[in-house]
Amino acid sequence: MRIVLIGATGIVGRWLHRAALEAGHQVEPLPGWRLGQPADLTGCDALIHAAFQHVPGKYRGGEGDDPDAFTNANLQGSLDIFQSARDQGVDRVIFLSSRAVHDGYPAGSELPDDLPPAPVNLYGQVKAQAETALAAMAAPDFHVASLRPTGVFGPGHPQKWAGLIRDFISGKSVPPRVATEVHGADLGQAAMLVLNDPAMSGSYNVSDIILDHHELLSGVAVLTGSRFAPPMRSDASLLSVPVCARLDALGWRPDGLARLHADLPAILQDLKDME
């Protein structure tokens, strides 16, 4: 399959790029392309849209002090590329949405795949609106789906835990926190399963492990010899957890905990390389 992947160098896109190549697909970049610009998708079978314009290091709150530009780039820019894909005969489109579309549900909620969006910030609103618009474009010759990944981790640059781990190693106070996470390689496998599913449609949650800062930084302490104590454990009962029934039905079997243990040394090496 010939795939155009936009956002291929980002924290999420790099894993999608790797997964597509490993699955034997031909991945076409769009050098220099930015959201809102025209795109030549002629001859492509699929589009995976993982591009996102935001303040560095922020998704929620990524609009900074210019919400209009943020919305224009990420919502209108997404609608434009969806329309271009349909107009140019692309058969399949996957949009990288976010679990942020469910932020409005009460703490401790279970979040099934078919739960309607309830965003509480501009990031979630833009993702939800793009999902809805894409779903409305579906047709017998235009198959579409949105993935709603939770936090994505793994080695490589940029490194999402860089600030957290550096603060801990230097003895700065690190707040307790627990969150749902998925390894980038498992996200990539999920995307390939959806892409190859003849019945791909709608939205798919992508989430795996529940990870506490206490557990993560305890592992960091062991590997670095840090004398600082990790933060206290958080109350995981207050965490809303996505249910990934649709991916489970496709045979998705993530292994985030084993990947975390295997990759933590590489993540720490990434931070040394950045110094």
Protein backbone atom coordinates (compact mmCIF):
# COMPACT_ATOMS: atom_id res chain seq x y z
CA MET A 1 0.00 0.00 0.00
CA ARG A 2 1.27 3.48 -0.84
CA ILE A 3 0.73 5.67 2.24
CA VAL A 4 1.13 9.40 2.72
CA LEU A 5 2.03 9.98 6.37
CA ILE A 6 1.91 13.59 7.55
CA GLY A 7 3.53 14.37 10.88
CA ALA A 8 6.02 11.52 10.41
CA THR A 9 8.79 13.10 12.53
CA GLY A 10 6.69 13.82 15.63
CA ILE A 11 6.54 11.89 18.88
CA VAL A 12 3.65 9.83 17.48
CA GLY A 13 4.35 9.95 13.76
CA ARG A 14 7.78 8.36 14.01
CA TRP A 15 6.19 5.17 15.39
CA LEU A 16 3.56 5.13 12.65
CA HIS A 17 6.30 5.54 10.06
CA ARG A 18 8.26 2.61 11.48
CA ALA A 19 5.18 0.39 11.71
CA ALA A 20 4.14 1.11 8.12
CA LEU A 21 7.60 0.27 6.78
CA GLU A 22 7.80 -2.91 8.86
CA ALA A 23 4.41 -3.94 7.46
CA GLY A 24 5.80 -3.63 3.94
CA HIS A 25 4.03 -0.44 2.92
CA GLN A 26 5.56 2.33 0.84
CA VAL A 27 5.55 5.54 2.89
CA GLU A 28 5.47 8.82 0.99
CA PRO A 29 6.60 11.98 2.81
CA LEU A 30 5.46 15.48 1.90
CA PRO A 31 8.71 17.44 2.27
CA GLY A 32 8.16 20.94 3.61
CA TRP A 33 4.40 20.50 3.79
CA ARG A 34 2.46 22.21 6.57
CA LEU A 35 -1.17 22.05 7.67
CA GLY A 36 -3.28 24.30 5.50
CA GLN A 37 -1.19 23.89 2.36
CA PRO A 38 -2.34 22.00 -0.77
CA ALA A 39 -1.06 18.42 -1.01
CA ASP A 40 -0.48 16.19 -4.01
CA LEU A 41 -1.85 12.77 -3.03
CA THR A 42 -2.13 11.42 -6.56
CA GLY A 43 -1.67 7.65 -6.76
CA CYS A 44 -1.74 7.12 -2.99
CA ASP A 45 -3.87 4.41 -1.40
CA ALA A 46 -4.03 5.81 2.12
CA LEU A 47 -3.43 8.92 4.18
CA ILE A 48 -2.44 8.84 7.85
CA HIS A 49 -2.82 12.28 9.40
CA ALA A 50 -0.64 12.67 12.50
CA ALA A 51 0.37 16.30 11.96
CA PHE A 52 -0.41 18.84 14.67
CA GLN A 53 0.62 22.47 15.11
CA HIS A 54 1.05 23.56 18.72
CA VAL A 55 3.20 25.36 21.25
CA PRO A 56 6.29 23.16 21.83
CA GLY A 57 5.73 20.59 24.56
CA LYS A 58 1.98 21.20 24.89
CA TYR A 59 -1.10 19.58 23.42
CA ARG A 60 -3.77 20.63 25.86
CA GLY A 61 -3.10 24.36 25.98
CA GLY A 62 -1.12 24.07 22.75
CA GLU A 63 -2.84 27.14 21.34
CA GLY A 64 -0.69 29.42 23.52
CA ASP A 65 -1.90 32.98 23.07
CA ASP A 66 -3.29 32.49 19.55
CA PRO A 67 -6.35 30.21 19.61
CA ASP A 68 -7.55 31.39 16.21
CA ALA A 69 -4.33 30.37 14.45
CA PHE A 70 -4.32 27.08 16.36
CA THR A 71 -7.88 26.30 15.26
CA ASN A 72 -7.32 27.38 11.68
CA ALA A 73 -4.21 25.22 11.32
CA ASN A 74 -5.41 22.12 13.12
CA LEU A 75 -9.11 22.04 12.34
CA GLN A 76 -9.42 23.75 8.97
CA GLY A 77 -6.06 22.33 7.90
CA SER A 78 -7.31 18.83 8.74
CA LEU A 79 -10.60 19.32 6.91
CA ASP A 80 -8.70 20.52 3.85
CA ILE A 81 -6.40 17.49 3.73
CA PHE A 82 -9.38 15.14 4.24
CA GLN A 83 -11.14 16.77 1.31
CA SER A 84 -8.00 16.59 -0.81
CA ALA A 85 -7.70 12.89 -0.07
CA ARG A 86 -11.27 12.20 -1.15
CA ASP A 87 -11.02 14.39 -4.24
CA GLN A 88 -7.77 12.72 -5.33
CA GLY A 89 -9.04 9.17 -5.02
CA VAL A 90 -7.34 8.11 -1.79
CA ASP A 91 -9.23 5.08 -0.51
CA ARG A 92 -8.39 5.16 3.22
CA VAL A 93 -7.79 7.89 5.80
CA ILE A 94 -6.73 7.51 9.42
CA PHE A 95 -6.80 10.56 11.67
CA LEU A 96 -4.77 10.70 14.89
CA SER A 97 -7.20 12.12 17.39
CA SER A 98 -6.74 11.96 21.17
CA ARG A 99 -8.28 10.65 24.36
CA ALA A 100 -8.67 14.37 25.19
CA VAL A 101 -12.03 14.22 23.41
CA HIS A 102 -13.27 12.43 26.58
CA ASP A 103 -11.83 14.82 29.17
CA GLY A 104 -15.30 16.04 30.17
CA TYR A 105 -16.40 12.74 31.67
CA PRO A 106 -16.28 12.32 35.49
CA ALA A 107 -13.12 11.05 37.12
CA GLY A 108 -13.03 7.28 37.27
CA SER A 109 -15.23 6.82 34.20
CA GLU A 110 -14.86 3.90 31.83
CA LEU A 111 -14.40 5.21 28.28
CA PRO A 112 -15.67 2.79 25.58
CA ASP A 113 -14.93 3.26 21.89
CA ASP A 114 -18.41 4.50 21.05
CA LEU A 115 -18.62 7.10 23.83
CA PRO A 116 -19.58 10.49 22.35
CA PRO A 117 -16.91 13.22 22.66
CA ALA A 118 -17.04 15.54 25.66
CA PRO A 119 -13.99 17.84 25.31
CA VAL A 120 -13.24 20.55 27.85
CA ASN A 121 -10.44 22.48 26.14
CA LEU A 122 -9.62 23.77 22.68
CA TYR A 123 -7.30 20.85 21.92
CA GLY A 124 -10.03 18.31 22.59
CA GLN A 125 -12.62 20.39 20.75
CA VAL A 126 -10.50 20.60 17.61
CA LYS A 127 -9.82 16.87 17.66
CA ALA A 128 -13.49 16.03 18.21
CA GLN A 129 -14.68 18.34 15.45
CA ALA A 130 -12.14 16.92 12.99
CA GLU A 131 -13.27 13.37 13.90
CA THR A 132 -16.91 14.27 13.29
CA ALA A 133 -16.20 15.94 9.97
CA LEU A 134 -14.11 13.01 8.75
CA ALA A 135 -16.75 10.46 9.77
CA ALA A 136 -19.37 12.41 7.81
CA MET A 137 -17.26 12.05 4.63
CA ALA A 138 -17.24 8.24 4.71
CA ALA A 139 -18.47 6.51 1.56
CA PRO A 140 -18.22 3.04 -0.02
CA ASP A 141 -15.04 4.14 -1.80
CA PHE A 142 -13.72 6.32 1.03
CA HIS A 143 -12.98 4.47 4.28
CA VAL A 144 -12.16 6.60 7.31
CA ALA A 145 -11.28 6.09 10.95
CA SER A 146 -9.98 8.05 13.94
CA LEU A 147 -7.58 6.70 16.55
CA ARG A 148 -7.80 8.11 20.06
CA PRO A 149 -4.42 7.36 21.65
CA THR A 150 -3.66 8.11 25.26
CA GLY A 151 -0.16 9.24 26.29
CA VAL A 152 2.44 7.77 23.93
CA PHE A 153 5.87 6.78 25.26
CA GLY A 154 9.05 5.16 24.02
CA PRO A 155 12.69 5.99 23.27
CA GLY A 156 13.65 8.62 20.72
CA HIS A 157 13.56 12.36 20.19
CA PRO A 158 11.56 14.31 21.18
CA GLN A 159 11.34 12.56 24.55
CA LYS A 160 8.11 13.21 26.42
CA TRP A 161 9.56 12.38 29.86
CA ALA A 162 12.71 14.47 29.49
CA GLY A 163 11.67 17.22 31.88
CA LEU A 164 10.13 14.86 34.41
CA ILE A 165 13.16 12.57 34.63
CA ARG A 166 15.66 15.43 34.74
CA ASP A 167 13.75 17.12 37.55
CA PHE A 168 13.72 13.88 39.53
CA ILE A 169 17.41 13.15 39.03
CA SER A 170 18.33 16.71 40.04
CA GLY A 171 16.29 16.49 43.24
CA LYS A 172 13.47 18.82 42.25
CA SER A 173 9.99 18.13 43.57
CA VAL A 174 7.99 15.93 41.20
CA PRO A 175 4.20 15.89 41.65
CA PRO A 176 2.36 12.60 42.09
CA ARG A 177 0.49 11.55 38.95
CA VAL A 178 -1.02 8.46 37.40
CA ALA A 179 -1.97 8.21 33.73
CA THR A 180 -2.87 5.81 30.97
CA GLU A 181 -0.10 5.20 28.44
CA VAL A 182 0.62 3.25 25.27
CA HIS A 183 4.01 2.42 23.78
CA GLY A 184 4.58 3.97 20.36
CA ALA A 185 5.25 0.57 18.79
CA ASP A 186 1.88 -0.71 20.02
CA LEU A 187 0.19 2.40 18.64
CA GLY A 188 1.87 1.73 15.29
CA GLN A 189 0.58 -1.84 15.30
CA ALA A 190 -2.92 -0.59 16.12
CA ALA A 191 -2.83 1.79 13.16
CA MET A 192 -1.78 -0.98 10.79
CA LEU A 193 -4.56 -3.27 12.02
CA VAL A 194 -7.16 -0.57 11.44
CA LEU A 195 -5.69 0.39 8.08
CA ASN A 196 -5.94 -3.21 6.84
CA ASP A 197 -9.41 -3.85 8.23
CA PRO A 198 -11.97 -3.96 5.37
CA ALA A 199 -14.57 -2.66 7.84
CA MET A 200 -12.52 0.25 9.22
CA SER A 201 -14.82 3.03 10.39
CA GLY A 202 -15.53 5.30 13.33
CA SER A 203 -13.25 5.75 16.32
CA TYR A 204 -10.85 3.43 18.13
CA ASN A 205 -9.41 3.93 21.60
CA VAL A 206 -5.68 3.18 21.87
CA SER A 207 -4.56 2.70 25.48
CA ASP A 208 -2.66 0.05 27.38
CA ILE A 209 -1.02 0.47 30.80
CA ILE A 210 -1.76 2.54 33.88
CA LEU A 211 1.52 4.13 34.91
CA ASP A 212 2.23 6.02 38.10
CA HIS A 213 5.08 8.53 38.42
CA HIS A 214 6.10 6.52 41.49
CA GLU A 215 6.68 3.38 39.44
CA LEU A 216 8.35 5.14 36.52
CA LEU A 217 10.76 7.12 38.69
CA SER A 218 11.50 4.15 40.92
CA GLY A 219 12.81 2.46 37.80
CA VAL A 220 14.82 5.55 36.94
CA ALA A 221 16.31 5.59 40.44
CA VAL A 222 17.46 1.99 40.14
CA LEU A 223 19.14 2.60 36.79
CA THR A 224 20.76 5.92 37.72
CA GLY A 225 21.58 5.32 41.36
CA SER A 226 19.57 8.37 42.35
CA ARG A 227 19.27 8.88 46.10
CA PHE A 228 16.01 10.81 45.76
CA ALA A 229 12.71 9.20 46.67
CA PRO A 230 10.02 9.03 43.97
CA PRO A 231 6.70 10.81 44.62
CA MET A 232 3.92 9.10 46.51
CA ARG A 233 1.52 6.90 44.57
CA SER A 234 -1.62 8.52 43.18
CA ASP A 235 -5.16 7.23 43.53
CA ALA A 236 -5.71 5.21 40.35
CA SER A 237 -9.42 4.82 41.14
CA LEU A 238 -9.91 8.42 39.98
CA LEU A 239 -8.41 7.70 36.57
CA SER A 240 -10.71 7.43 33.58
CA VAL A 241 -9.58 4.44 31.54
CA PRO A 242 -10.23 3.95 27.79
CA VAL A 243 -11.61 0.56 26.79
CA CYS A 244 -10.11 -0.72 23.53
CA ALA A 245 -12.69 -3.31 22.54
CA ARG A 246 -12.57 -2.54 18.82
CA LEU A 247 -8.81 -3.01 18.64
CA ASP A 248 -9.02 -6.12 20.81
CA ALA A 249 -11.44 -7.59 18.27
CA LEU A 250 -8.85 -6.99 15.53
CA GLY A 251 -6.24 -8.97 17.49
CA TRP A 252 -4.36 -6.05 19.05
CA ARG A 253 -2.18 -7.28 21.91
CA PRO A 254 -0.12 -4.42 23.35
CA ASP A 255 2.81 -5.14 25.66
CA GLY A 256 3.55 -1.74 27.14
CA LEU A 257 4.80 -2.85 30.54
CA ALA A 258 7.44 -5.17 29.08
CA ARG A 259 8.39 -2.51 26.53
CA LEU A 260 8.75 0.08 29.29
CA HIS A 261 11.16 -2.11 31.26
CA ALA A 262 13.13 -2.92 28.12
CA ASP A 263 13.29 0.67 26.84
CA LEU A 264 13.89 2.68 30.01
CA PRO A 265 17.70 2.41 29.67
CA ALA A 266 17.43 3.74 26.10
CA ILE A 267 15.18 6.58 27.25
CA LEU A 268 17.80 7.58 29.85
CA GLN A 269 20.49 7.40 27.17
CA ASP A 270 18.37 9.71 25.00
CA LEU A 271 18.51 12.30 27.76
CA LYS A 272 22.29 12.02 28.03
CA ASP A 273 22.60 12.45 24.28
CA MET A 274 20.56 15.64 24.48
CA GLU A 275 22.86 17.25 27.07
